[in-house]
PDB file of N, CA and C in Angstrom:
ATOM      1  N   UNK A   1     -17.100   7.973 -27.040  1.00  0.00           N
ATOM      2  CA  UNK A   1     -16.389   7.801 -25.857  1.00  0.00           C
ATOM      3  C   UNK A   1     -17.212   6.054 -25.374  1.00  0.00           C
ATOM      4  N   UNK A   2     -15.783   5.282 -25.138  1.00  0.00           N
ATOM      5  CA  UNK A   2     -16.430   3.971 -24.432  1.00  0.00           C
ATOM      6  C   UNK A   2     -15.905   3.446 -23.532  1.00  0.00           C
ATOM      7  N   UNK A   3     -16.612   2.650 -22.724  1.00  0.00           N
ATOM      8  CA  UNK A   3     -16.383   2.125 -21.271  1.00  0.00           C
ATOM      9  C   UNK A   3     -16.541   0.770 -21.326  1.00  0.00           C
ATOM     10  N   UNK A   4     -15.354   0.136 -20.752  1.00  0.00           N
ATOM     11  CA  UNK A   4     -15.214  -1.251 -20.085  1.00  0.00           C
ATOM     12  C   UNK A   4     -15.279  -1.546 -18.986  1.00  0.00           C
ATOM     13  N   UNK A   5     -16.420  -2.456 -18.607  1.00  0.00           N
ATOM     14  CA  UNK A   5     -15.892  -2.678 -17.066  1.00  0.00           C
ATOM     15  C   UNK A   5     -16.017  -4.367 -16.727  1.00  0.00           C
ATOM     16  N   UNK A   6     -15.055  -4.088 -15.922  1.00  0.00           N
ATOM     17  CA  UNK A   6     -14.422  -5.865 -15.859  1.00  0.00           C
ATOM     18  C   UNK A   6     -14.672  -5.972 -14.109  1.00  0.00           C
ATOM     19  N   UNK A   7     -14.842  -7.478 -14.006  1.00  0.00           N
ATOM     20  CA  UNK A   7     -15.282  -7.827 -12.744  1.00  0.00           C
ATOM     21  C   UNK A   7     -13.682  -8.792 -12.685  1.00  0.00           C
ATOM     22  N   UNK A   8     -13.190  -8.871 -11.532  1.00  0.00           N
ATOM     23  CA  UNK A   8     -11.837 -10.095 -11.219  1.00  0.00           C
ATOM     24  C   UNK A   8     -12.176 -10.288  -9.906  1.00  0.00           C
ATOM     25  N   UNK A   9     -12.288 -11.814  -9.466  1.00  0.00           N
ATOM     26  CA  UNK A   9     -12.852 -12.405  -8.642  1.00  0.00           C
ATOM     27  C   UNK A   9     -11.398 -12.463  -8.270  1.00  0.00           C
ATOM     28  N   UNK A  10     -10.614 -12.307  -6.916  1.00  0.00           N
ATOM     29  CA  UNK A  10      -8.972 -12.536  -6.593  1.00  0.00           C
ATOM     30  C   UNK A  10      -8.954 -13.490  -5.426  1.00  0.00           C
ATOM     31  N   UNK A  11      -7.940 -14.321  -5.630  1.00  0.00           N
ATOM     32  CA  UNK A  11      -7.891 -15.480  -4.534  1.00  0.00           C
ATOM     33  C   UNK A  11      -7.667 -15.096  -3.401  1.00  0.00           C
ATOM     34  N   UNK A  12      -8.045 -15.368  -1.845  1.00  0.00           N
ATOM     35  CA  UNK A  12      -7.592 -14.968  -0.914  1.00  0.00           C
ATOM     36  C   UNK A  12      -6.311 -14.908  -0.879  1.00  0.00           C
ATOM     37  N   UNK A  13      -5.544 -13.786  -0.078  1.00  0.00           N
ATOM     38  CA  UNK A  13      -4.408 -13.767   0.379  1.00  0.00           C
ATOM     39  C   UNK A  13      -3.832 -13.261  -1.116  1.00  0.00           C
ATOM     40  N   UNK A  14      -4.288 -13.162  -2.107  1.00  0.00           N
ATOM     41  CA  UNK A  14      -3.279 -12.831  -3.534  1.00  0.00           C
ATOM     42  C   UNK A  14      -3.519 -11.330  -3.975  1.00  0.00           C
ATOM     43  N   UNK A  15      -4.572 -10.672  -2.675  1.00  0.00           N
ATOM     44  CA  UNK A  15      -4.884  -9.302  -2.970  1.00  0.00           C
ATOM     45  C   UNK A  15      -4.055  -8.465  -3.560  1.00  0.00           C
ATOM     46  N   UNK A  16      -2.475  -8.533  -2.583  1.00  0.00           N
ATOM     47  CA  UNK A  16      -1.588  -7.233  -2.962  1.00  0.00           C
ATOM     48  C   UNK A  16      -0.717  -7.469  -4.390  1.00  0.00           C
ATOM     49  N   UNK A  17      -0.723  -8.801  -5.050  1.00  0.00           N
ATOM     50  CA  UNK A  17       0.248  -9.343  -5.934  1.00  0.00           C
ATOM     51  C   UNK A  17      -0.929  -8.606  -7.301  1.00  0.00           C
ATOM     52  N   UNK A  18      -2.687  -9.076  -7.040  1.00  0.00           N
ATOM     53  CA  UNK A  18      -3.356  -8.383  -7.817  1.00  0.00           C
ATOM     54  C   UNK A  18      -3.334  -7.034  -8.324  1.00  0.00           C
ATOM     55  N   UNK A  19      -3.536  -6.160  -7.157  1.00  0.00           N
ATOM     56  CA  UNK A  19      -3.377  -4.723  -7.528  1.00  0.00           C
ATOM     57  C   UNK A  19      -2.383  -4.110  -8.019  1.00  0.00           C
ATOM     58  N   UNK A  20      -1.186  -4.918  -8.073  1.00  0.00           N
ATOM     59  CA  UNK A  20       0.268  -4.080  -7.978  1.00  0.00           C
ATOM     60  C   UNK A  20       0.031  -4.762  -9.886  1.00  0.00           C
ATOM     61  N   UNK A  21      -0.371  -5.639  -9.803  1.00  0.00           N
ATOM     62  CA  UNK A  21      -0.226  -6.109 -11.177  1.00  0.00           C
ATOM     63  C   UNK A  21      -1.427  -5.407 -11.960  1.00  0.00           C
ATOM     64  N   UNK A  22      -2.182  -5.028 -11.985  1.00  0.00           N
ATOM     65  CA  UNK A  22      -3.473  -4.198 -12.175  1.00  0.00           C
ATOM     66  C   UNK A  22      -2.940  -2.596 -12.514  1.00  0.00           C
ATOM     67  N   UNK A  23      -2.312  -1.789 -11.128  1.00  0.00           N
ATOM     68  CA  UNK A  23      -1.764  -0.692 -11.398  1.00  0.00           C
ATOM     69  C   UNK A  23      -0.762  -0.884 -12.583  1.00  0.00           C
ATOM     70  N   UNK A  24       0.402  -1.677 -12.571  1.00  0.00           N
ATOM     71  CA  UNK A  24       1.043  -1.512 -13.385  1.00  0.00           C
ATOM     72  C   UNK A  24       0.923  -1.962 -15.013  1.00  0.00           C
ATOM     73  N   UNK A  25      -0.144  -2.880 -15.088  1.00  0.00           N
ATOM     74  CA  UNK A  25      -0.603  -3.492 -16.586  1.00  0.00           C
ATOM     75  C   UNK A  25      -1.445  -1.892 -17.056  1.00  0.00           C
ATOM     76  N   UNK A  26      -2.333  -1.367 -16.279  1.00  0.00           N
ATOM     77  CA  UNK A  26      -2.942  -0.184 -16.491  1.00  0.00           C
ATOM     78  C   UNK A  26      -2.293   0.978 -16.883  1.00  0.00           C
ATOM     79  N   UNK A  27      -0.948   1.017 -16.327  1.00  0.00           N
ATOM     80  CA  UNK A  27       0.064   2.252 -16.706  1.00  0.00           C
ATOM     81  C   UNK A  27       0.454   2.557 -18.395  1.00  0.00           C
ATOM     82  N   UNK A  28       0.503   0.906 -18.143  1.00  0.00           N
ATOM     83  CA  UNK A  28       1.282   0.567 -19.892  1.00  0.00           C
ATOM     84  C   UNK A  28       0.181   0.440 -20.930  1.00  0.00           C
ATOM     85  N   UNK A  29      -1.205  -0.081 -20.609  1.00  0.00           N
ATOM     86  CA  UNK A  29      -2.067   0.168 -21.269  1.00  0.00           C
ATOM     87  C   UNK A  29      -2.347   1.957 -21.731  1.00  0.00           C
ATOM     88  N   UNK A  30      -2.398   2.350 -20.474  1.00  0.00           N
ATOM     89  CA  UNK A  30      -2.629   3.779 -20.876  1.00  0.00           C
ATOM     90  C   UNK A  30      -1.262   4.843 -21.650  1.00  0.00           C
ATOM     91  N   UNK A  31      -0.175   4.299 -21.170  1.00  0.00           N
ATOM     92  CA  UNK A  31       0.914   5.331 -22.093  1.00  0.00           C
ATOM     93  C   UNK A  31       0.952   4.287 -23.526  1.00  0.00           C
ATOM     94  N   UNK A  32       1.127   2.741 -23.394  1.00  0.00           N
ATOM     95  CA  UNK A  32       1.391   2.364 -25.191  1.00  0.00           C
ATOM     96  C   UNK A  32      -0.126   2.528 -26.148  1.00  0.00           C
ATOM     97  N   UNK A  33      -1.483   2.526 -25.169  1.00  0.00           N
ATOM     98  CA  UNK A  33      -2.533   2.129 -26.227  1.00  0.00           C
ATOM     99  C   UNK A  33      -3.346   3.274 -26.433  1.00  0.00           C
ATOM    100  N   UNK A  34      -2.967   4.629 -25.427  1.00  0.00           N
ATOM    101  CA  UNK A  34      -3.355   5.715 -25.658  1.00  0.00           C
ATOM    102  C   UNK A  34      -4.672   5.547 -24.964  1.00  0.00           C
ATOM    103  N   UNK A  35      -5.088   4.552 -23.921  1.00  0.00           N
ATOM    104  CA  UNK A  35      -6.516   4.438 -23.241  1.00  0.00           C
ATOM    105  C   UNK A  35      -6.364   5.796 -22.296  1.00  0.00           C
ATOM    106  N   UNK A  36      -7.792   6.093 -21.784  1.00  0.00           N
ATOM    107  CA  UNK A  36      -7.903   7.558 -21.045  1.00  0.00           C
ATOM    108  C   UNK A  36      -7.978   7.170 -19.456  1.00  0.00           C
ATOM    109  N   UNK A  37      -7.453   5.709 -19.174  1.00  0.00           N
ATOM    110  CA  UNK A  37      -7.513   5.957 -17.728  1.00  0.00           C
ATOM    111  C   UNK A  37      -8.401   4.462 -17.655  1.00  0.00           C
ATOM    112  N   UNK A  38      -8.401   4.377 -16.296  1.00  0.00           N
ATOM    113  CA  UNK A  38      -8.950   3.317 -15.699  1.00  0.00           C
ATOM    114  C   UNK A  38      -9.110   3.755 -13.824  1.00  0.00           C
ATOM    115  N   UNK A  39      -9.791   3.171 -13.444  1.00  0.00           N
ATOM    116  CA  UNK A  39     -10.208   3.083 -12.004  1.00  0.00           C
ATOM    117  C   UNK A  39     -10.550   1.671 -11.262  1.00  0.00           C
ATOM    118  N   UNK A  40      -9.937   1.200 -10.073  1.00  0.00           N
ATOM    119  CA  UNK A  40     -10.390   0.124  -9.494  1.00  0.00           C
ATOM    120  C   UNK A  40     -10.912   0.546  -8.390  1.00  0.00           C
ATOM    121  N   UNK A  41     -12.139  -0.732  -8.481  1.00  0.00           N
ATOM    122  CA  UNK A  41     -13.284  -0.597  -6.974  1.00  0.00           C
ATOM    123  C   UNK A  41     -13.250  -1.865  -6.709  1.00  0.00           C
ATOM    124  N   UNK A  42     -13.636  -2.192  -5.055  1.00  0.00           N
ATOM    125  CA  UNK A  42     -13.526  -3.041  -4.056  1.00  0.00           C
ATOM    126  C   UNK A  42     -15.301  -3.261  -3.727  1.00  0.00           C
ATOM    127  N   UNK A  43     -15.360  -4.232  -4.268  1.00  0.00           N
ATOM    128  CA  UNK A  43     -16.873  -4.525  -4.789  1.00  0.00           C
ATOM    129  C   UNK A  43     -17.272  -4.791  -2.759  1.00  0.00           C
ATOM    130  N   UNK A  44     -16.795  -6.167  -2.871  1.00  0.00           N
ATOM    131  CA  UNK A  44     -16.680  -6.915  -1.703  1.00  0.00           C
ATOM    132  C   UNK A  44     -16.071  -8.342  -1.471  1.00  0.00           C
ATOM    133  N   UNK A  45     -15.628  -8.772  -0.308  1.00  0.00           N
ATOM    134  CA  UNK A  45     -14.852  -9.976  -0.216  1.00  0.00           C
ATOM    135  C   UNK A  45     -13.983  -9.898  -1.273  1.00  0.00           C
ATOM    136  N   UNK A  46     -13.717 -10.810  -2.215  1.00  0.00           N
ATOM    137  CA  UNK A  46     -12.623 -10.855  -3.314  1.00  0.00           C
ATOM    138  C   UNK A  46     -13.054 -10.243  -4.660  1.00  0.00           C
ATOM    139  N   UNK A  47     -13.760  -9.489  -4.660  1.00  0.00           N
ATOM    140  CA  UNK A  47     -14.061  -9.058  -5.687  1.00  0.00           C
ATOM    141  C   UNK A  47     -14.376  -7.266  -6.197  1.00  0.00           C
ATOM    142  N   UNK A  48     -13.267  -7.544  -7.383  1.00  0.00           N
ATOM    143  CA  UNK A  48     -13.315  -5.738  -7.479  1.00  0.00           C
ATOM    144  C   UNK A  48     -13.548  -5.573  -8.879  1.00  0.00           C
ATOM    145  N   UNK A  49     -13.475  -4.561  -9.340  1.00  0.00           N
ATOM    146  CA  UNK A  49     -14.477  -3.804 -10.296  1.00  0.00           C
ATOM    147  C   UNK A  49     -13.764  -2.783 -11.068  1.00  0.00           C
ATOM    148  N   UNK A  50     -13.049  -2.715 -12.439  1.00  0.00           N
ATOM    149  CA  UNK A  50     -12.610  -2.011 -12.883  1.00  0.00           C
ATOM    150  C   UNK A  50     -13.397  -1.479 -13.893  1.00  0.00           C
ATOM    151  N   UNK A  51     -13.300  -0.040 -14.090  1.00  0.00           N
ATOM    152  CA  UNK A  51     -13.891   1.023 -14.777  1.00  0.00           C
ATOM    153  C   UNK A  51     -12.830   1.168 -16.073  1.00  0.00           C
ATOM    154  N   UNK A  52     -12.777   0.894 -17.137  1.00  0.00           N
ATOM    155  CA  UNK A  52     -11.410   1.776 -18.257  1.00  0.00           C
ATOM    156  C   UNK A  52     -12.187   2.492 -19.339  1.00  0.00           C
ATOM    157  N   UNK A  53     -12.007   3.402 -19.437  1.00  0.00           N
ATOM    158  CA  UNK A  53     -12.484   4.691 -20.344  1.00  0.00           C
ATOM    159  C   UNK A  53     -11.434   4.556 -21.789  1.00  0.00           C
ATOM    160  N   UNK A  54     -12.084   4.465 -22.863  1.00  0.00           N
ATOM    161  CA  UNK A  54     -11.490   4.504 -24.016  1.00  0.00           C
ATOM    162  C   UNK A  54     -11.994   5.766 -24.840  1.00  0.00           C
ATOM    163  N   UNK A  55     -11.327   6.203 -25.896  1.00  0.00           N
ATOM    164  CA  UNK A  55     -11.961   7.066 -27.133  1.00  0.00           C
ATOM    165  C   UNK A  55     -13.140   6.359 -28.008  1.00  0.00           C
ATOM    166  N   UNK A  56     -13.081   5.042 -28.201  1.00  0.00           N
ATOM    167  CA  UNK A  56     -13.822   4.255 -29.178  1.00  0.00           C
ATOM    168  C   UNK A  56     -14.089   3.068 -28.826  1.00  0.00           C
ATOM    169  N   UNK A  57     -14.717   2.235 -29.120  1.00  0.00           N
ATOM    170  CA  UNK A  57     -14.698   0.893 -28.647  1.00  0.00           C
ATOM    171  C   UNK A  57     -13.812   0.171 -29.558  1.00  0.00           C
ATOM    172  N   UNK A  58     -13.712   1.048 -31.123  1.00  0.00           N
ATOM    173  CA  UNK A  58     -12.407  -0.008 -32.205  1.00  0.00           C
ATOM    174  C   UNK A  58     -11.143   0.409 -31.370  1.00  0.00           C
ATOM    175  N   UNK A  59     -10.770   1.249 -31.115  1.00  0.00           N
ATOM    176  CA  UNK A  59      -9.591   1.590 -29.765  1.00  0.00           C
ATOM    177  C   UNK A  59      -9.438   0.688 -28.885  1.00  0.00           C
ATOM    178  N   UNK A  60     -10.536   0.022 -28.208  1.00  0.00           N
ATOM    179  CA  UNK A  60     -10.437  -0.730 -27.059  1.00  0.00           C
ATOM    180  C   UNK A  60     -10.110  -2.080 -27.811  1.00  0.00           C
ATOM    181  N   UNK A  61     -11.357  -2.321 -28.952  1.00  0.00           N
ATOM    182  CA  UNK A  61     -10.848  -3.573 -29.494  1.00  0.00           C
ATOM    183  C   UNK A  61      -9.779  -4.038 -29.879  1.00  0.00           C
ATOM    184  N   UNK A  62      -9.176  -2.880 -30.406  1.00  0.00           N
ATOM    185  CA  UNK A  62      -7.822  -3.149 -31.084  1.00  0.00           C
ATOM    186  C   UNK A  62      -6.162  -3.283 -30.407  1.00  0.00           C
ATOM    187  N   UNK A  63      -6.937  -3.065 -29.030  1.00  0.00           N
ATOM    188  CA  UNK A  63      -5.362  -2.257 -28.132  1.00  0.00           C
ATOM    189  C   UNK A  63      -4.884  -3.667 -27.985  1.00  0.00           C
ATOM    190  N   UNK A  64      -3.860  -3.396 -27.592  1.00  0.00           N
ATOM    191  CA  UNK A  64      -2.544  -4.471 -27.444  1.00  0.00           C
ATOM    192  C   UNK A  64      -1.750  -4.835 -27.571  1.00  0.00           C
ATOM    193  N   UNK A  65      -1.439  -4.598 -29.082  1.00  0.00           N
ATOM    194  CA  UNK A  65      -0.531  -5.012 -30.081  1.00  0.00           C
ATOM    195  C   UNK A  65       0.737  -3.854 -29.755  1.00  0.00           C
ATOM    196  N   UNK A  66       0.187  -2.749 -29.231  1.00  0.00           N
ATOM    197  CA  UNK A  66       1.502  -2.159 -28.998  1.00  0.00           C
ATOM    198  C   UNK A  66       2.205  -2.053 -27.469  1.00  0.00           C
ATOM    199  N   UNK A  67       1.818  -2.873 -26.355  1.00  0.00           N
ATOM    200  CA  UNK A  67       2.475  -3.181 -25.211  1.00  0.00           C
ATOM    201  C   UNK A  67       3.684  -3.899 -25.425  1.00  0.00           C
ATOM    202  N   UNK A  68       4.819  -2.907 -24.592  1.00  0.00           N
ATOM    203  CA  UNK A  68       5.879  -3.423 -24.371  1.00  0.00           C
ATOM    204  C   UNK A  68       5.816  -5.280 -23.868  1.00  0.00           C
ATOM    205  N   UNK A  69       7.245  -5.916 -23.685  1.00  0.00           N
ATOM    206  CA  UNK A  69       6.998  -7.379 -23.480  1.00  0.00           C
ATOM    207  C   UNK A  69       6.879  -7.539 -21.951  1.00  0.00           C
ATOM    208  N   UNK A  70       7.324  -6.292 -21.237  1.00  0.00           N
ATOM    209  CA  UNK A  70       7.018  -6.463 -19.761  1.00  0.00           C
ATOM    210  C   UNK A  70       5.315  -6.696 -19.275  1.00  0.00           C
ATOM    211  N   UNK A  71       4.241  -6.442 -20.256  1.00  0.00           N
ATOM    212  CA  UNK A  71       3.071  -6.267 -20.113  1.00  0.00           C
ATOM    213  C   UNK A  71       2.627  -7.841 -19.720  1.00  0.00           C
ATOM    214  N   UNK A  72       3.310  -8.729 -20.565  1.00  0.00           N
ATOM    215  CA  UNK A  72       3.069  -9.888 -20.613  1.00  0.00           C
ATOM    216  C   UNK A  72       3.352 -10.944 -19.047  1.00  0.00           C
ATOM    217  N   UNK A  73       4.098 -10.145 -18.344  1.00  0.00           N
ATOM    218  CA  UNK A  73       4.824 -10.573 -16.666  1.00  0.00           C
ATOM    219  C   UNK A  73       3.276 -10.037 -15.787  1.00  0.00           C
ATOM    220  N   UNK A  74       3.064  -8.802 -15.940  1.00  0.00           N
ATOM    221  CA  UNK A  74       1.732  -7.984 -15.518  1.00  0.00           C
ATOM    222  C   UNK A  74       0.640  -8.906 -15.647  1.00  0.00           C
ATOM    223  N   UNK A  75       0.370  -8.981 -16.607  1.00  0.00           N
ATOM    224  CA  UNK A  75      -0.949 -10.266 -17.308  1.00  0.00           C
ATOM    225  C   UNK A  75      -0.384 -11.278 -16.407  1.00  0.00           C
ATOM    226  N   UNK A  76       0.365 -12.205 -16.626  1.00  0.00           N
ATOM    227  CA  UNK A  76       0.253 -13.225 -16.474  1.00  0.00           C
ATOM    228  C   UNK A  76       0.402 -13.297 -14.501  1.00  0.00           C
ATOM    229  N   UNK A  77       0.778 -12.066 -13.723  1.00  0.00           N
ATOM    230  CA  UNK A  77       0.899 -12.286 -12.162  1.00  0.00           C
ATOM    231  C   UNK A  77      -0.351 -11.991 -12.021  1.00  0.00           C
ATOM    232  N   UNK A  78      -1.323 -11.080 -12.749  1.00  0.00           N
ATOM    233  CA  UNK A  78      -2.892 -10.868 -12.610  1.00  0.00           C
ATOM    234  C   UNK A  78      -3.446 -12.189 -12.802  1.00  0.00           C
ATOM    235  N   UNK A  79      -3.606 -12.578 -14.100  1.00  0.00           N
ATOM    236  CA  UNK A  79      -4.123 -14.210 -13.948  1.00  0.00           C
ATOM    237  C   UNK A  79      -3.978 -14.754 -12.921  1.00  0.00           C
ATOM    238  N   UNK A  80      -2.880 -15.423 -12.375  1.00  0.00           N
ATOM    239  CA  UNK A  80      -2.357 -16.085 -11.365  1.00  0.00           C
ATOM    240  C   UNK A  80      -3.151 -15.704 -10.140  1.00  0.00           C
ATOM    241  N   UNK A  81      -3.377 -14.103  -9.983  1.00  0.00           N
ATOM    242  CA  UNK A  81      -3.932 -13.870  -8.598  1.00  0.00           C
ATOM    243  C   UNK A  81      -5.655 -13.731  -8.381  1.00  0.00           C
ATOM    244  N   UNK A  82      -5.995 -14.123  -9.819  1.00  0.00           N
ATOM    245  CA  UNK A  82      -7.780 -14.578  -9.712  1.00  0.00           C
ATOM    246  C   UNK A  82      -8.327 -15.586 -10.175  1.00  0.00           C
ATOM    247  N   UNK A  83      -9.428 -16.131  -9.794  1.00  0.00           N
ATOM    248  CA  UNK A  83     -10.058 -17.386 -10.247  1.00  0.00           C
ATOM    249  C   UNK A  83     -10.530 -17.092 -11.127  1.00  0.00           C
ATOM    250  N   UNK A  84     -10.954 -15.466 -11.337  1.00  0.00           N
ATOM    251  CA  UNK A  84     -12.432 -15.029 -12.827  1.00  0.00           C
ATOM    252  C   UNK A  84     -11.878 -13.765 -13.078  1.00  0.00           C
ATOM    253  N   UNK A  85     -11.752 -13.569 -14.372  1.00  0.00           N
ATOM    254  CA  UNK A  85     -11.718 -12.178 -14.725  1.00  0.00           C
ATOM    255  C   UNK A  85     -12.638 -12.528 -15.752  1.00  0.00           C
ATOM    256  N   UNK A  86     -13.621 -11.306 -15.805  1.00  0.00           N
ATOM    257  CA  UNK A  86     -14.415 -11.331 -17.295  1.00  0.00           C
ATOM    258  C   UNK A  86     -14.766  -9.565 -17.080  1.00  0.00           C
ATOM    259  N   UNK A  87     -15.336  -9.506 -18.160  1.00  0.00           N
ATOM    260  CA  UNK A  87     -15.428  -7.967 -19.127  1.00  0.00           C
ATOM    261  C   UNK A  87     -17.584  -8.413 -18.754  1.00  0.00           C
ATOM    262  N   UNK A  88     -17.808  -7.229 -18.148  1.00  0.00           N
ATOM    263  CA  UNK A  88     -19.075  -7.710 -17.553  1.00  0.00           C
ATOM    264  C   UNK A  88     -19.854  -6.389 -18.553  1.00  0.00           C
ATOM    265  N   UNK A  89     -19.438  -5.408 -18.985  1.00  0.00           N
ATOM    266  CA  UNK A  89     -19.994  -4.223 -19.793  1.00  0.00           C
ATOM    267  C   UNK A  89     -19.378  -3.867 -21.066  1.00  0.00           C
ATOM    268  N   UNK A  90     -20.132  -3.497 -22.181  1.00  0.00           N
ATOM    269  CA  UNK A  90     -19.255  -3.183 -23.126  1.00  0.00           C
ATOM    270  C   UNK A  90     -20.155  -1.593 -23.354  1.00  0.00           C
ATOM    271  N   UNK A  91     -19.693  -0.479 -23.245  1.00  0.00           N
ATOM    272  CA  UNK A  91     -20.552   0.456 -23.159  1.00  0.00           C
ATOM    273  C   UNK A  91     -20.026   1.580 -23.602  1.00  0.00           C
ATOM    274  N   UNK A  92     -21.356   2.495 -24.653  1.00  0.00           N
ATOM    275  CA  UNK A  92     -21.005   3.610 -25.361  1.00  0.00           C
ATOM    276  C   UNK A  92     -21.566   4.676 -24.113  1.00  0.00           C
ATOM    277  N   UNK A  93     -20.767   5.735 -24.044  1.00  0.00           N
ATOM    278  CA  UNK A  93     -21.274   6.864 -23.113  1.00  0.00           C
ATOM    279  C   UNK A  93     -22.177   7.772 -24.386  1.00  0.00           C
ATOM    280  N   UNK A  94     -23.696   8.103 -23.372  1.00  0.00           N
ATOM    281  CA  UNK A  94     -24.557   8.678 -23.971  1.00  0.00           C
ATOM    282  C   UNK A  94     -23.941  10.202 -23.363  1.00  0.00           C
ATOM    283  N   UNK A  95     -24.395  10.557 -21.908  1.00  0.00           N
ATOM    284  CA  UNK A  95     -23.927  11.697 -21.603  1.00  0.00           C
ATOM    285  C   UNK A  95     -23.285  11.560 -20.612  1.00  0.00           C
ATOM    286  N   UNK A  96     -21.975  12.377 -20.300  1.00  0.00           N
ATOM    287  CA  UNK A  96     -20.857  12.528 -19.107  1.00  0.00           C
ATOM    288  C   UNK A  96     -20.807  13.790 -18.488  1.00  0.00           C
ATOM    289  N   UNK A  97     -21.405  13.606 -17.279  1.00  0.00           N
ATOM    290  CA  UNK A  97     -21.065  14.701 -16.167  1.00  0.00           C
ATOM    291  C   UNK A  97     -20.215  14.153 -14.961  1.00  0.00           C
ATOM    292  N   UNK A  98     -19.229  13.460 -15.368  1.00  0.00           N
ATOM    293  CA  UNK A  98     -18.134  13.163 -14.107  1.00  0.00           C
ATOM    294  C   UNK A  98     -17.067  14.269 -14.114  1.00  0.00           C
ATOM    295  N   UNK A  99     -17.057  15.246 -12.972  1.00  0.00           N
ATOM    296  CA  UNK A  99     -15.759  15.902 -13.375  1.00  0.00           C
ATOM    297  C   UNK A  99     -14.430  15.034 -13.187  1.00  0.00           C
ATOM    298  N   UNK A 100     -13.882  15.903 -13.971  1.00  0.00           N
ATOM    299  CA  UNK A 100     -12.707  15.678 -14.216  1.00  0.00           C
ATOM    300  C   UNK A 100     -11.165  15.381 -13.349  1.00  0.00           C
ATOM    301  N   UNK A 101     -11.152  14.855 -12.612  1.00  0.00           N
ATOM    302  CA  UNK A 101      -9.941  14.925 -12.030  1.00  0.00           C
ATOM    303  C   UNK A 101      -9.688  16.099 -10.794  1.00  0.00           C
ATOM    304  N   UNK A 102     -11.076  15.869  -9.769  1.00  0.00           N
ATOM    305  CA  UNK A 102     -11.330  16.667  -9.195  1.00  0.00           C
ATOM    306  C   UNK A 102     -10.185  16.011  -7.685  1.00  0.00           C
TER     307      UNK A 102
END
């Protein structure tokens, strides 16, 4: 299993637009790219952290080509709402002791 961790610095006042875009884009990635889902966390002030889970690093690296056209709208909205988006970590899972959907 593979995990990507992202950091988003959201422009003040654009939090609602960012969260809407993140949710809708994440749903599409789950549906069309067969990801294992993602969680969004609020770190502090305008910084949000997302944790995305994939079956493999290759699947993650090759994702994007199966998304419908509407994904571009949500990507643009997300980019417009953020001053910075970056992939912080690319991680292989060694042990998994998380409860699933508790």
